[in-house]
Amino acid sequence: MAEMDELGTQLAELEARMASTADMVASLDSGLADMGRNLVETNREMTGLSRSLGSGLRKAFEGVVFDGMRLSDAMRQLGRSISDAIYSAAMRPVQSALGGALSSVISGAMSSVLPFANGGSFAQGRVMPFAQGGVVSSPVTFPMRGGTGLMGEAGPEAILPLSRGADGRLGVRSAGGGRAMNVVINVTTPDVAGFQRSQSQIAAQMQRLLAQGQRNY
């Protein structure tokens, strides 16, 4: 019985050690993954830094050989290029972190103010429909996919509904709504007989003008 108890104790200790080993392996795997990502990022930064240094060295060499630049000026320019490249590489992570934090803050603020993920326009807390058109007389922000739009910032702006005509073209719908137009043409002539002889020709010309006006309208 004592041997069974001792064996159970040893098995419990072995299980605890195996669990601890599994945690250590998981932690090591996570550390190796982070190290791999850091190495990739470091390699990218070193590649960019090497490219910048090579460009600065080439410009300094070309300045001495082709432009007659003094060697001291060329070395000073090369040093400035190296300093700029190192500064840019050092500041890039800081800029990325600040940009991400600022983007999160702005996105949170805009989502609380503009709760329309699929678009919409509102004024004074009310949703304003513009399916029939309308006029925006003051600056109004509206959500867009991936950002926020602004209209009316430079003065009143009109929203015009679009419709597809009989010819299949998409354009601004006219206020007439396709209603028929009545056109009255008054003709005054001293030669009544001449007008009667030319009546069919004048009517055909008027029809062409009306058809052209309807197309333009």
N, C-alpha and C. Protein backbone atom coordinates (compact mmCIF):
# COMPACT_ATOMS: atom_id res chain seq x y z
N MET A 1 0.83 -1.21 0.00
CA MET A 1 0.00 0.00 0.00
C MET A 1 0.86 1.25 0.00
N ALA A 2 1.92 1.22 0.79
CA ALA A 2 2.83 2.36 0.84
C ALA A 2 3.52 2.55 -0.50
N GLU A 3 3.83 1.42 -1.17
CA GLU A 3 4.48 1.52 -2.48
C GLU A 3 3.53 2.16 -3.49
N MET A 4 2.25 1.84 -3.42
CA MET A 4 1.28 2.44 -4.33
C MET A 4 1.15 3.93 -4.09
N ASP A 5 1.15 4.33 -2.82
CA ASP A 5 1.08 5.75 -2.50
C ASP A 5 2.31 6.49 -3.03
N GLU A 6 3.48 5.86 -2.84
CA GLU A 6 4.72 6.48 -3.32
C GLU A 6 4.71 6.59 -4.84
N LEU A 7 4.21 5.53 -5.52
CA LEU A 7 4.13 5.56 -6.97
C LEU A 7 3.17 6.65 -7.45
N GLY A 8 2.04 6.82 -6.74
CA GLY A 8 1.10 7.88 -7.10
C GLY A 8 1.71 9.26 -6.93
N THR A 9 2.50 9.40 -5.85
CA THR A 9 3.17 10.68 -5.62
C THR A 9 4.17 10.98 -6.73
N GLN A 10 4.94 9.96 -7.12
CA GLN A 10 5.92 10.15 -8.19
C GLN A 10 5.24 10.48 -9.52
N LEU A 11 4.11 9.82 -9.79
CA LEU A 11 3.38 10.12 -11.02
C LEU A 11 2.84 11.56 -11.01
N ALA A 12 2.37 12.02 -9.86
CA ALA A 12 1.88 13.39 -9.76
C ALA A 12 3.00 14.39 -9.99
N GLU A 13 4.19 14.09 -9.40
CA GLU A 13 5.33 14.98 -9.61
C GLU A 13 5.75 14.98 -11.08
N LEU A 14 5.72 13.78 -11.70
CA LEU A 14 6.09 13.69 -13.12
C LEU A 14 5.12 14.48 -13.99
N GLU A 15 3.82 14.40 -13.66
CA GLU A 15 2.81 15.15 -14.42
C GLU A 15 3.02 16.65 -14.26
N ALA A 16 3.36 17.08 -13.03
CA ALA A 16 3.61 18.50 -12.81
C ALA A 16 4.82 18.97 -13.59
N ARG A 17 5.87 18.12 -13.63
CA ARG A 17 7.07 18.49 -14.38
C ARG A 17 6.77 18.56 -15.88
N MET A 18 5.97 17.62 -16.36
CA MET A 18 5.61 17.64 -17.78
C MET A 18 4.80 18.89 -18.13
N ALA A 19 3.88 19.28 -17.24
CA ALA A 19 3.11 20.50 -17.48
C ALA A 19 4.02 21.72 -17.48
N SER A 20 4.97 21.75 -16.53
CA SER A 20 5.91 22.86 -16.49
C SER A 20 6.78 22.90 -17.74
N THR A 21 7.19 21.69 -18.20
CA THR A 21 8.00 21.62 -19.42
C THR A 21 7.20 22.11 -20.62
N ALA A 22 5.91 21.75 -20.68
CA ALA A 22 5.07 22.20 -21.78
C ALA A 22 4.94 23.72 -21.78
N ASP A 23 4.79 24.31 -20.60
CA ASP A 23 4.72 25.77 -20.51
C ASP A 23 6.03 26.40 -20.96
N MET A 24 7.15 25.79 -20.57
CA MET A 24 8.44 26.32 -20.99
C MET A 24 8.61 26.23 -22.49
N VAL A 25 8.17 25.10 -23.09
CA VAL A 25 8.28 24.94 -24.54
C VAL A 25 7.40 25.97 -25.25
N ALA A 26 6.17 26.19 -24.75
CA ALA A 26 5.29 27.18 -25.36
C ALA A 26 5.88 28.58 -25.26
N SER A 27 6.45 28.90 -24.09
CA SER A 27 7.08 30.20 -23.92
C SER A 27 8.28 30.36 -24.84
N LEU A 28 9.06 29.27 -24.97
CA LEU A 28 10.22 29.32 -25.87
C LEU A 28 9.78 29.49 -27.31
N ASP A 29 8.72 28.78 -27.69
CA ASP A 29 8.21 28.90 -29.06
C ASP A 29 7.72 30.32 -29.34
N SER A 30 7.01 30.92 -28.37
CA SER A 30 6.56 32.29 -28.54
C SER A 30 7.74 33.26 -28.64
N GLY A 31 8.76 33.02 -27.80
CA GLY A 31 9.94 33.87 -27.86
C GLY A 31 10.67 33.75 -29.18
N LEU A 32 10.75 32.51 -29.71
CA LEU A 32 11.40 32.32 -31.01
C LEU A 32 10.61 32.99 -32.13
N ALA A 33 9.27 32.93 -32.04
CA ALA A 33 8.44 33.59 -33.06
C ALA A 33 8.65 35.10 -33.02
N ASP A 34 8.67 35.67 -31.80
CA ASP A 34 8.92 37.11 -31.67
C ASP A 34 10.31 37.46 -32.19
N MET A 35 11.29 36.59 -31.89
CA MET A 35 12.64 36.85 -32.36
C MET A 35 12.70 36.81 -33.88
N GLY A 36 11.95 35.86 -34.47
CA GLY A 36 11.92 35.79 -35.93
C GLY A 36 11.33 37.04 -36.54
N ARG A 37 10.23 37.53 -35.95
CA ARG A 37 9.63 38.76 -36.47
C ARG A 37 10.57 39.94 -36.29
N ASN A 38 11.25 39.98 -35.15
CA ASN A 38 12.20 41.07 -34.92
C ASN A 38 13.36 41.00 -35.91
N LEU A 39 13.80 39.77 -36.21
CA LEU A 39 14.90 39.63 -37.17
C LEU A 39 14.47 40.07 -38.56
N VAL A 40 13.24 39.73 -38.94
CA VAL A 40 12.74 40.17 -40.24
C VAL A 40 12.67 41.69 -40.30
N GLU A 41 12.13 42.30 -39.23
CA GLU A 41 12.04 43.76 -39.19
C GLU A 41 13.43 44.40 -39.18
N THR A 42 14.36 43.79 -38.42
CA THR A 42 15.72 44.31 -38.38
C THR A 42 16.38 44.20 -39.74
N ASN A 43 16.16 43.07 -40.42
CA ASN A 43 16.72 42.90 -41.76
C ASN A 43 16.17 43.94 -42.72
N ARG A 44 14.86 44.23 -42.60
CA ARG A 44 14.27 45.25 -43.46
C ARG A 44 14.87 46.62 -43.17
N GLU A 45 15.04 46.93 -41.88
CA GLU A 45 15.63 48.21 -41.52
C GLU A 45 17.08 48.31 -42.00
N MET A 46 17.83 47.22 -41.86
CA MET A 46 19.22 47.24 -42.29
C MET A 46 19.32 47.36 -43.81
N THR A 47 18.37 46.73 -44.52
CA THR A 47 18.37 46.86 -45.98
C THR A 47 18.11 48.31 -46.39
N GLY A 48 17.12 48.94 -45.74
CA GLY A 48 16.85 50.34 -46.05
C GLY A 48 18.00 51.24 -45.68
N LEU A 49 18.64 50.96 -44.53
CA LEU A 49 19.79 51.77 -44.12
C LEU A 49 20.95 51.60 -45.08
N SER A 50 21.20 50.36 -45.51
CA SER A 50 22.28 50.11 -46.46
C SER A 50 22.01 50.81 -47.79
N ARG A 51 20.74 50.80 -48.21
CA ARG A 51 20.39 51.47 -49.47
C ARG A 51 20.61 52.98 -49.35
N SER A 52 20.23 53.54 -48.20
CA SER A 52 20.43 54.98 -48.00
C SER A 52 21.91 55.34 -47.95
N LEU A 53 22.71 54.51 -47.27
CA LEU A 53 24.14 54.77 -47.20
C LEU A 53 24.78 54.66 -48.57
N GLY A 54 24.36 53.64 -49.34
CA GLY A 54 24.91 53.49 -50.68
C GLY A 54 24.56 54.66 -51.57
N SER A 55 23.32 55.16 -51.44
CA SER A 55 22.92 56.32 -52.24
C SER A 55 23.72 57.56 -51.85
N GLY A 56 23.92 57.76 -50.54
CA GLY A 56 24.72 58.91 -50.11
C GLY A 56 26.15 58.83 -50.57
N LEU A 57 26.74 57.63 -50.52
CA LEU A 57 28.12 57.46 -50.98
C LEU A 57 28.24 57.69 -52.47
N ARG A 58 27.25 57.22 -53.24
CA ARG A 58 27.29 57.43 -54.68
C ARG A 58 27.17 58.91 -55.03
N LYS A 59 26.28 59.63 -54.32
CA LYS A 59 26.15 61.06 -54.59
C LYS A 59 27.43 61.81 -54.24
N ALA A 60 28.07 61.43 -53.14
CA ALA A 60 29.32 62.09 -52.77
C ALA A 60 30.41 61.81 -53.80
N PHE A 61 30.50 60.58 -54.28
CA PHE A 61 31.50 60.23 -55.29
C PHE A 61 31.25 60.97 -56.60
N GLU A 62 29.98 61.02 -57.01
CA GLU A 62 29.64 61.73 -58.25
C GLU A 62 29.93 63.22 -58.10
N GLY A 63 29.69 63.77 -56.91
CA GLY A 63 29.98 65.19 -56.70
C GLY A 63 31.46 65.50 -56.84
N VAL A 64 32.32 64.60 -56.35
CA VAL A 64 33.77 64.83 -56.45
C VAL A 64 34.25 64.64 -57.88
N VAL A 65 33.78 63.58 -58.54
CA VAL A 65 34.30 63.21 -59.86
C VAL A 65 33.72 64.09 -60.95
N PHE A 66 32.40 64.28 -60.95
CA PHE A 66 31.74 64.94 -62.08
C PHE A 66 31.46 66.42 -61.83
N ASP A 67 31.17 66.80 -60.61
CA ASP A 67 30.78 68.19 -60.33
C ASP A 67 31.91 69.03 -59.77
N GLY A 68 33.08 68.47 -59.58
CA GLY A 68 34.20 69.22 -59.06
C GLY A 68 34.04 69.62 -57.61
N MET A 69 33.25 68.87 -56.85
CA MET A 69 33.05 69.19 -55.44
C MET A 69 34.32 68.87 -54.65
N ARG A 70 34.60 69.71 -53.66
CA ARG A 70 35.76 69.44 -52.82
C ARG A 70 35.52 68.20 -51.97
N LEU A 71 36.59 67.50 -51.68
CA LEU A 71 36.48 66.25 -50.93
C LEU A 71 35.88 66.49 -49.54
N SER A 72 36.24 67.62 -48.92
CA SER A 72 35.69 67.91 -47.59
C SER A 72 34.19 68.13 -47.66
N ASP A 73 33.72 68.83 -48.71
CA ASP A 73 32.28 69.03 -48.86
C ASP A 73 31.57 67.71 -49.14
N ALA A 74 32.21 66.87 -49.95
CA ALA A 74 31.61 65.58 -50.26
C ALA A 74 31.49 64.72 -49.00
N MET A 75 32.54 64.72 -48.17
CA MET A 75 32.50 63.93 -46.94
C MET A 75 31.47 64.50 -45.97
N ARG A 76 31.34 65.83 -45.96
CA ARG A 76 30.33 66.44 -45.09
C ARG A 76 28.92 66.04 -45.55
N GLN A 77 28.71 66.04 -46.87
CA GLN A 77 27.41 65.62 -47.41
C GLN A 77 27.15 64.15 -47.11
N LEU A 78 28.20 63.32 -47.22
CA LEU A 78 28.04 61.91 -46.91
C LEU A 78 27.68 61.71 -45.43
N GLY A 79 28.35 62.46 -44.56
CA GLY A 79 28.03 62.36 -43.14
C GLY A 79 26.61 62.78 -42.84
N ARG A 80 26.14 63.82 -43.53
CA ARG A 80 24.76 64.26 -43.32
C ARG A 80 23.78 63.19 -43.80
N SER A 81 24.09 62.55 -44.94
CA SER A 81 23.22 61.49 -45.44
C SER A 81 23.17 60.31 -44.47
N ILE A 82 24.33 59.95 -43.90
CA ILE A 82 24.37 58.85 -42.94
C ILE A 82 23.56 59.20 -41.69
N SER A 83 23.71 60.43 -41.21
CA SER A 83 22.96 60.86 -40.03
C SER A 83 21.46 60.83 -40.28
N ASP A 84 21.04 61.31 -41.47
CA ASP A 84 19.62 61.31 -41.79
C ASP A 84 19.08 59.88 -41.88
N ALA A 85 19.87 58.98 -42.48
CA ALA A 85 19.41 57.59 -42.62
C ALA A 85 19.26 56.92 -41.26
N ILE A 86 20.24 57.13 -40.38
CA ILE A 86 20.17 56.52 -39.04
C ILE A 86 19.02 57.12 -38.24
N TYR A 87 18.82 58.42 -38.35
CA TYR A 87 17.72 59.07 -37.63
C TYR A 87 16.37 58.55 -38.12
N SER A 88 16.23 58.39 -39.44
CA SER A 88 14.97 57.89 -39.98
C SER A 88 14.71 56.47 -39.51
N ALA A 89 15.77 55.63 -39.50
CA ALA A 89 15.59 54.25 -39.04
C ALA A 89 15.23 54.19 -37.57
N ALA A 90 15.79 55.09 -36.77
CA ALA A 90 15.49 55.09 -35.34
C ALA A 90 14.09 55.62 -35.05
N MET A 91 13.63 56.58 -35.83
CA MET A 91 12.33 57.20 -35.56
C MET A 91 11.17 56.43 -36.17
N ARG A 92 11.44 55.51 -37.09
CA ARG A 92 10.34 54.82 -37.76
C ARG A 92 9.47 54.02 -36.79
N PRO A 93 10.04 53.25 -35.85
CA PRO A 93 9.16 52.55 -34.88
C PRO A 93 8.35 53.51 -34.01
N VAL A 94 8.96 54.63 -33.63
CA VAL A 94 8.23 55.60 -32.81
C VAL A 94 7.07 56.20 -33.59
N GLN A 95 7.32 56.56 -34.86
CA GLN A 95 6.26 57.11 -35.68
C GLN A 95 5.15 56.10 -35.90
N SER A 96 5.52 54.83 -36.10
CA SER A 96 4.50 53.80 -36.30
C SER A 96 3.64 53.63 -35.06
N ALA A 97 4.28 53.62 -33.89
CA ALA A 97 3.51 53.47 -32.64
C ALA A 97 2.59 54.66 -32.41
N LEU A 98 3.10 55.87 -32.61
CA LEU A 98 2.27 57.06 -32.42
C LEU A 98 1.14 57.10 -33.43
N GLY A 99 1.44 56.73 -34.69
CA GLY A 99 0.39 56.72 -35.70
C GLY A 99 -0.71 55.73 -35.38
N GLY A 100 -0.34 54.53 -34.89
CA GLY A 100 -1.35 53.56 -34.52
C GLY A 100 -2.20 54.02 -33.35
N ALA A 101 -1.55 54.62 -32.35
CA ALA A 101 -2.32 55.11 -31.19
C ALA A 101 -3.26 56.23 -31.60
N LEU A 102 -2.77 57.17 -32.43
CA LEU A 102 -3.62 58.28 -32.86
C LEU A 102 -4.78 57.78 -33.71
N SER A 103 -4.51 56.80 -34.58
CA SER A 103 -5.58 56.25 -35.40
C SER A 103 -6.65 55.58 -34.56
N SER A 104 -6.23 54.87 -33.50
CA SER A 104 -7.20 54.22 -32.62
C SER A 104 -8.06 55.25 -31.90
N VAL A 105 -7.43 56.33 -31.43
CA VAL A 105 -8.18 57.37 -30.72
C VAL A 105 -9.19 58.04 -31.65
N ILE A 106 -8.76 58.38 -32.87
CA ILE A 106 -9.66 59.04 -33.82
C ILE A 106 -10.79 58.11 -34.22
N SER A 107 -10.47 56.83 -34.48
CA SER A 107 -11.51 55.88 -34.87
C SER A 107 -12.54 55.72 -33.77
N GLY A 108 -12.08 55.64 -32.51
CA GLY A 108 -13.03 55.52 -31.41
C GLY A 108 -13.91 56.74 -31.27
N ALA A 109 -13.31 57.93 -31.42
CA ALA A 109 -14.10 59.16 -31.30
C ALA A 109 -15.12 59.27 -32.42
N MET A 110 -14.69 58.96 -33.66
CA MET A 110 -15.60 59.08 -34.79
C MET A 110 -16.70 58.04 -34.72
N SER A 111 -16.39 56.82 -34.25
CA SER A 111 -17.43 55.80 -34.16
C SER A 111 -18.49 56.17 -33.12
N SER A 112 -18.08 56.89 -32.07
CA SER A 112 -19.06 57.31 -31.07
C SER A 112 -19.90 58.48 -31.56
N VAL A 113 -19.32 59.32 -32.42
CA VAL A 113 -20.06 60.47 -32.94
C VAL A 113 -20.86 60.11 -34.18
N LEU A 114 -20.28 59.26 -35.03
CA LEU A 114 -20.91 58.88 -36.30
C LEU A 114 -21.16 57.38 -36.30
N PRO A 115 -22.24 56.90 -35.73
CA PRO A 115 -22.46 55.46 -35.63
C PRO A 115 -23.11 54.87 -36.87
N PHE A 116 -22.62 55.21 -38.05
CA PHE A 116 -23.18 54.69 -39.29
C PHE A 116 -22.07 53.99 -40.04
N ALA A 117 -21.94 52.67 -39.87
CA ALA A 117 -20.85 51.93 -40.51
C ALA A 117 -21.05 51.83 -42.00
N ASN A 118 -22.30 51.84 -42.47
CA ASN A 118 -22.57 51.67 -43.89
C ASN A 118 -22.91 52.97 -44.58
N GLY A 119 -22.62 54.09 -43.96
CA GLY A 119 -22.86 55.38 -44.59
C GLY A 119 -24.13 56.03 -44.07
N GLY A 120 -24.29 57.31 -44.39
CA GLY A 120 -25.45 58.06 -43.93
C GLY A 120 -25.05 59.50 -43.72
N SER A 121 -26.01 60.36 -43.60
CA SER A 121 -25.77 61.77 -43.32
C SER A 121 -26.71 62.20 -42.22
N PHE A 122 -26.24 63.06 -41.37
CA PHE A 122 -27.11 63.50 -40.29
C PHE A 122 -26.79 64.94 -39.95
N ALA A 123 -27.75 65.58 -39.32
CA ALA A 123 -27.57 66.95 -38.86
C ALA A 123 -28.37 67.12 -37.59
N GLN A 124 -27.72 67.65 -36.55
CA GLN A 124 -28.35 67.89 -35.27
C GLN A 124 -29.00 66.62 -34.72
N GLY A 125 -28.28 65.49 -34.87
CA GLY A 125 -28.76 64.25 -34.30
C GLY A 125 -29.84 63.56 -35.10
N ARG A 126 -30.24 64.09 -36.25
CA ARG A 126 -31.30 63.48 -37.05
C ARG A 126 -30.72 63.00 -38.37
N VAL A 127 -31.16 61.81 -38.79
CA VAL A 127 -30.74 61.29 -40.09
C VAL A 127 -31.49 62.05 -41.17
N MET A 128 -30.74 62.57 -42.16
CA MET A 128 -31.33 63.36 -43.22
C MET A 128 -31.30 62.56 -44.52
N PRO A 129 -32.46 62.13 -45.05
CA PRO A 129 -32.47 61.40 -46.32
C PRO A 129 -32.28 62.34 -47.50
N PHE A 130 -31.47 61.93 -48.47
CA PHE A 130 -31.22 62.74 -49.65
C PHE A 130 -31.51 61.94 -50.92
N ALA A 131 -32.43 60.98 -50.85
CA ALA A 131 -32.73 60.19 -52.04
C ALA A 131 -33.34 61.05 -53.14
N GLN A 132 -34.07 62.11 -52.76
CA GLN A 132 -34.68 63.00 -53.74
C GLN A 132 -33.84 64.25 -53.98
N GLY A 133 -32.62 64.27 -53.45
CA GLY A 133 -31.76 65.44 -53.60
C GLY A 133 -31.91 66.39 -52.43
N GLY A 134 -31.07 67.39 -52.40
CA GLY A 134 -31.12 68.36 -51.33
C GLY A 134 -29.91 69.27 -51.38
N VAL A 135 -29.82 70.17 -50.42
CA VAL A 135 -28.73 71.14 -50.35
C VAL A 135 -28.13 71.09 -48.96
N VAL A 136 -26.80 71.03 -48.90
CA VAL A 136 -26.07 71.10 -47.64
C VAL A 136 -25.48 72.49 -47.55
N SER A 137 -25.91 73.26 -46.58
CA SER A 137 -25.50 74.67 -46.48
C SER A 137 -24.39 74.91 -45.48
N SER A 138 -23.99 73.90 -44.72
CA SER A 138 -22.92 74.06 -43.73
C SER A 138 -22.06 72.80 -43.74
N PRO A 139 -20.84 72.87 -43.21
CA PRO A 139 -19.97 71.69 -43.22
C PRO A 139 -20.61 70.51 -42.49
N VAL A 140 -20.61 69.36 -43.15
CA VAL A 140 -21.20 68.14 -42.60
C VAL A 140 -20.23 66.99 -42.86
N THR A 141 -19.94 66.22 -41.83
CA THR A 141 -19.11 65.03 -42.00
C THR A 141 -20.00 63.81 -42.17
N PHE A 142 -19.51 62.85 -42.94
CA PHE A 142 -20.26 61.61 -43.14
C PHE A 142 -19.27 60.46 -43.25
N PRO A 143 -19.64 59.30 -42.71
CA PRO A 143 -18.72 58.17 -42.70
C PRO A 143 -18.58 57.54 -44.08
N MET A 144 -17.38 57.13 -44.39
CA MET A 144 -17.08 56.41 -45.62
C MET A 144 -16.29 55.17 -45.24
N ARG A 145 -16.28 54.22 -46.13
CA ARG A 145 -15.51 53.01 -45.85
C ARG A 145 -14.03 53.35 -45.83
N GLY A 146 -13.42 53.20 -44.68
CA GLY A 146 -12.00 53.48 -44.54
C GLY A 146 -11.68 54.91 -44.18
N GLY A 147 -12.67 55.76 -43.92
CA GLY A 147 -12.37 57.15 -43.58
C GLY A 147 -13.65 57.93 -43.31
N THR A 148 -13.51 59.24 -43.32
CA THR A 148 -14.63 60.15 -43.06
C THR A 148 -14.64 61.22 -44.13
N GLY A 149 -15.79 61.46 -44.73
CA GLY A 149 -15.93 62.48 -45.76
C GLY A 149 -16.42 63.80 -45.17
N LEU A 150 -16.18 64.88 -45.91
CA LEU A 150 -16.61 66.21 -45.49
C LEU A 150 -17.18 66.93 -46.69
N MET A 151 -18.37 67.47 -46.55
CA MET A 151 -18.99 68.23 -47.63
C MET A 151 -19.56 69.52 -47.07
N GLY A 152 -19.71 70.49 -47.95
CA GLY A 152 -20.21 71.79 -47.55
C GLY A 152 -19.20 72.66 -46.87
N GLU A 153 -17.89 72.26 -46.91
CA GLU A 153 -16.89 73.05 -46.20
C GLU A 153 -16.54 74.34 -46.93
N ALA A 154 -16.79 74.41 -48.25
CA ALA A 154 -16.46 75.60 -49.02
C ALA A 154 -17.70 76.39 -49.43
N GLY A 155 -18.86 76.05 -48.85
CA GLY A 155 -20.09 76.73 -49.22
C GLY A 155 -21.18 75.71 -49.48
N PRO A 156 -22.39 76.17 -49.84
CA PRO A 156 -23.50 75.25 -50.09
C PRO A 156 -23.17 74.28 -51.23
N GLU A 157 -23.56 73.02 -51.04
CA GLU A 157 -23.38 72.00 -52.06
C GLU A 157 -24.70 71.28 -52.27
N ALA A 158 -24.98 70.95 -53.54
CA ALA A 158 -26.23 70.28 -53.88
C ALA A 158 -26.00 68.78 -54.05
N ILE A 159 -26.98 68.01 -53.62
CA ILE A 159 -26.98 66.56 -53.82
C ILE A 159 -28.05 66.26 -54.86
N LEU A 160 -27.63 65.72 -56.01
CA LEU A 160 -28.54 65.48 -57.12
C LEU A 160 -28.71 63.98 -57.33
N PRO A 161 -29.95 63.49 -57.37
CA PRO A 161 -30.17 62.06 -57.62
C PRO A 161 -29.84 61.70 -59.06
N LEU A 162 -29.35 60.51 -59.28
CA LEU A 162 -29.02 60.01 -60.61
C LEU A 162 -30.05 58.99 -61.04
N SER A 163 -30.32 58.96 -62.32
CA SER A 163 -31.23 57.97 -62.88
C SER A 163 -30.75 57.59 -64.27
N ARG A 164 -31.15 56.41 -64.71
CA ARG A 164 -30.73 55.92 -66.02
C ARG A 164 -31.85 56.18 -67.02
N GLY A 165 -31.51 56.87 -68.10
CA GLY A 165 -32.48 57.22 -69.10
C GLY A 165 -32.82 56.08 -70.04
N ALA A 166 -33.67 56.39 -71.02
CA ALA A 166 -34.08 55.36 -71.98
C ALA A 166 -32.92 54.87 -72.82
N ASP A 167 -31.90 55.71 -73.02
CA ASP A 167 -30.74 55.30 -73.80
C ASP A 167 -29.72 54.52 -72.97
N GLY A 168 -30.01 54.29 -71.67
CA GLY A 168 -29.10 53.52 -70.83
C GLY A 168 -28.04 54.33 -70.14
N ARG A 169 -27.95 55.63 -70.43
CA ARG A 169 -26.93 56.46 -69.81
C ARG A 169 -27.38 56.94 -68.44
N LEU A 170 -26.41 57.01 -67.51
CA LEU A 170 -26.69 57.45 -66.15
C LEU A 170 -26.41 58.94 -66.04
N GLY A 171 -27.37 59.69 -65.53
CA GLY A 171 -27.19 61.14 -65.42
C GLY A 171 -28.11 61.73 -64.37
N VAL A 172 -28.07 63.06 -64.28
CA VAL A 172 -28.90 63.78 -63.32
C VAL A 172 -30.34 63.79 -63.81
N ARG A 173 -31.25 63.47 -62.92
CA ARG A 173 -32.66 63.44 -63.29
C ARG A 173 -33.20 64.86 -63.32
N SER A 174 -33.93 65.20 -64.34
CA SER A 174 -34.48 66.55 -64.46
C SER A 174 -35.70 66.70 -63.57
N ALA A 175 -36.02 67.95 -63.26
CA ALA A 175 -37.16 68.22 -62.39
C ALA A 175 -38.48 67.96 -63.08
N GLY A 176 -38.47 67.91 -64.42
CA GLY A 176 -39.71 67.71 -65.15
C GLY A 176 -40.31 66.34 -64.98
N GLY A 177 -39.45 65.36 -64.66
CA GLY A 177 -39.95 64.01 -64.42
C GLY A 177 -40.50 63.34 -65.66
N GLY A 178 -40.06 63.76 -66.85
CA GLY A 178 -40.50 63.09 -68.07
C GLY A 178 -41.86 63.56 -68.56
N ARG A 179 -42.40 64.63 -68.02
CA ARG A 179 -43.71 65.11 -68.47
C ARG A 179 -43.59 65.76 -69.84
N ALA A 180 -44.66 65.71 -70.59
CA ALA A 180 -44.66 66.28 -71.94
C ALA A 180 -44.61 67.80 -71.87
N MET A 181 -43.94 68.40 -72.85
CA MET A 181 -43.83 69.86 -72.92
C MET A 181 -44.67 70.36 -74.09
N ASN A 182 -45.35 71.43 -73.87
CA ASN A 182 -46.12 72.09 -74.93
C ASN A 182 -45.35 73.29 -75.42
N VAL A 183 -45.04 73.31 -76.72
CA VAL A 183 -44.28 74.40 -77.32
C VAL A 183 -45.19 75.11 -78.32
N VAL A 184 -45.35 76.40 -78.15
CA VAL A 184 -46.18 77.22 -79.03
C VAL A 184 -45.27 78.09 -79.89
N ILE A 185 -45.41 78.00 -81.21
CA ILE A 185 -44.58 78.77 -82.15
C ILE A 185 -45.51 79.68 -82.94
N ASN A 186 -45.30 80.96 -82.87
CA ASN A 186 -46.07 81.96 -83.62
C ASN A 186 -45.25 82.42 -84.81
N VAL A 187 -45.84 82.33 -85.99
CA VAL A 187 -45.16 82.72 -87.23
C VAL A 187 -45.92 83.90 -87.84
N THR A 188 -45.20 84.97 -88.11
CA THR A 188 -45.78 86.16 -88.74
C THR A 188 -45.07 86.40 -90.08
N THR A 189 -45.83 86.45 -91.16
CA THR A 189 -45.22 86.63 -92.48
C THR A 189 -46.16 87.45 -93.36
N PRO A 190 -45.60 88.34 -94.17
CA PRO A 190 -46.46 89.09 -95.10
C PRO A 190 -46.83 88.27 -96.34
N ASP A 191 -46.09 87.17 -96.60
CA ASP A 191 -46.34 86.36 -97.79
C ASP A 191 -47.05 85.08 -97.36
N VAL A 192 -48.37 85.13 -97.27
CA VAL A 192 -49.13 83.98 -96.80
C VAL A 192 -49.03 82.83 -97.78
N ALA A 193 -49.09 83.13 -99.08
CA ALA A 193 -49.02 82.07 -100.08
C ALA A 193 -47.67 81.37 -100.05
N GLY A 194 -46.59 82.16 -99.90
CA GLY A 194 -45.25 81.56 -99.82
C GLY A 194 -45.10 80.71 -98.57
N PHE A 195 -45.71 81.16 -97.47
CA PHE A 195 -45.62 80.37 -96.23
C PHE A 195 -46.37 79.05 -96.39
N GLN A 196 -47.55 79.10 -97.06
CA GLN A 196 -48.31 77.86 -97.24
C GLN A 196 -47.54 76.88 -98.11
N ARG A 197 -46.81 77.37 -99.12
CA ARG A 197 -46.03 76.46 -99.96
C ARG A 197 -44.86 75.85 -99.19
N SER A 198 -44.30 76.60 -98.24
CA SER A 198 -43.13 76.11 -97.47
C SER A 198 -43.53 75.53 -96.12
N GLN A 199 -44.83 75.32 -95.89
CA GLN A 199 -45.29 74.88 -94.57
C GLN A 199 -44.69 73.53 -94.16
N SER A 200 -44.67 72.58 -95.09
CA SER A 200 -44.14 71.25 -94.73
C SER A 200 -42.65 71.32 -94.42
N GLN A 201 -41.91 72.13 -95.17
CA GLN A 201 -40.47 72.26 -94.92
C GLN A 201 -40.20 72.92 -93.57
N ILE A 202 -40.97 73.95 -93.22
CA ILE A 202 -40.80 74.63 -91.93
C ILE A 202 -41.17 73.68 -90.79
N ALA A 203 -42.25 72.88 -90.96
CA ALA A 203 -42.66 71.95 -89.91
C ALA A 203 -41.58 70.90 -89.66
N ALA A 204 -40.97 70.40 -90.74
CA ALA A 204 -39.90 69.40 -90.57
C ALA A 204 -38.71 69.99 -89.84
N GLN A 205 -38.36 71.24 -90.16
CA GLN A 205 -37.24 71.89 -89.48
C GLN A 205 -37.55 72.11 -88.00
N MET A 206 -38.80 72.50 -87.68
CA MET A 206 -39.19 72.68 -86.29
C MET A 206 -39.12 71.36 -85.52
N GLN A 207 -39.54 70.26 -86.16
CA GLN A 207 -39.47 68.97 -85.49
C GLN A 207 -38.03 68.57 -85.18
N ARG A 208 -37.12 68.86 -86.10
CA ARG A 208 -35.71 68.55 -85.85
C ARG A 208 -35.18 69.38 -84.69
N LEU A 209 -35.54 70.66 -84.63
CA LEU A 209 -35.08 71.51 -83.53
C LEU A 209 -35.64 71.04 -82.19
N LEU A 210 -36.93 70.64 -82.18
CA LEU A 210 -37.52 70.16 -80.93
C LEU A 210 -36.86 68.86 -80.47
N ALA A 211 -36.59 67.96 -81.42
CA ALA A 211 -35.93 66.70 -81.06
C ALA A 211 -34.54 66.94 -80.50
N GLN A 212 -33.81 67.89 -81.12
CA GLN A 212 -32.48 68.22 -80.62
C GLN A 212 -32.55 68.84 -79.23
N GLY A 213 -33.56 69.70 -79.00
CA GLY A 213 -33.71 70.29 -77.68
C GLY A 213 -34.04 69.27 -76.61
N GLN A 214 -34.87 68.27 -76.95
CA GLN A 214 -35.19 67.23 -75.98
C GLN A 214 -33.97 66.39 -75.63
N ARG A 215 -33.12 66.11 -76.63
CA ARG A 215 -31.91 65.34 -76.34
C ARG A 215 -30.98 66.13 -75.43
N ASN A 216 -30.84 67.40 -75.69
CA ASN A 216 -29.97 68.23 -74.84
C ASN A 216 -30.56 68.41 -73.45
N TYR A 217 -31.87 68.43 -73.37
CA TYR A 217 -32.51 68.63 -72.08
C TYR A 217 -32.38 67.37 -71.22
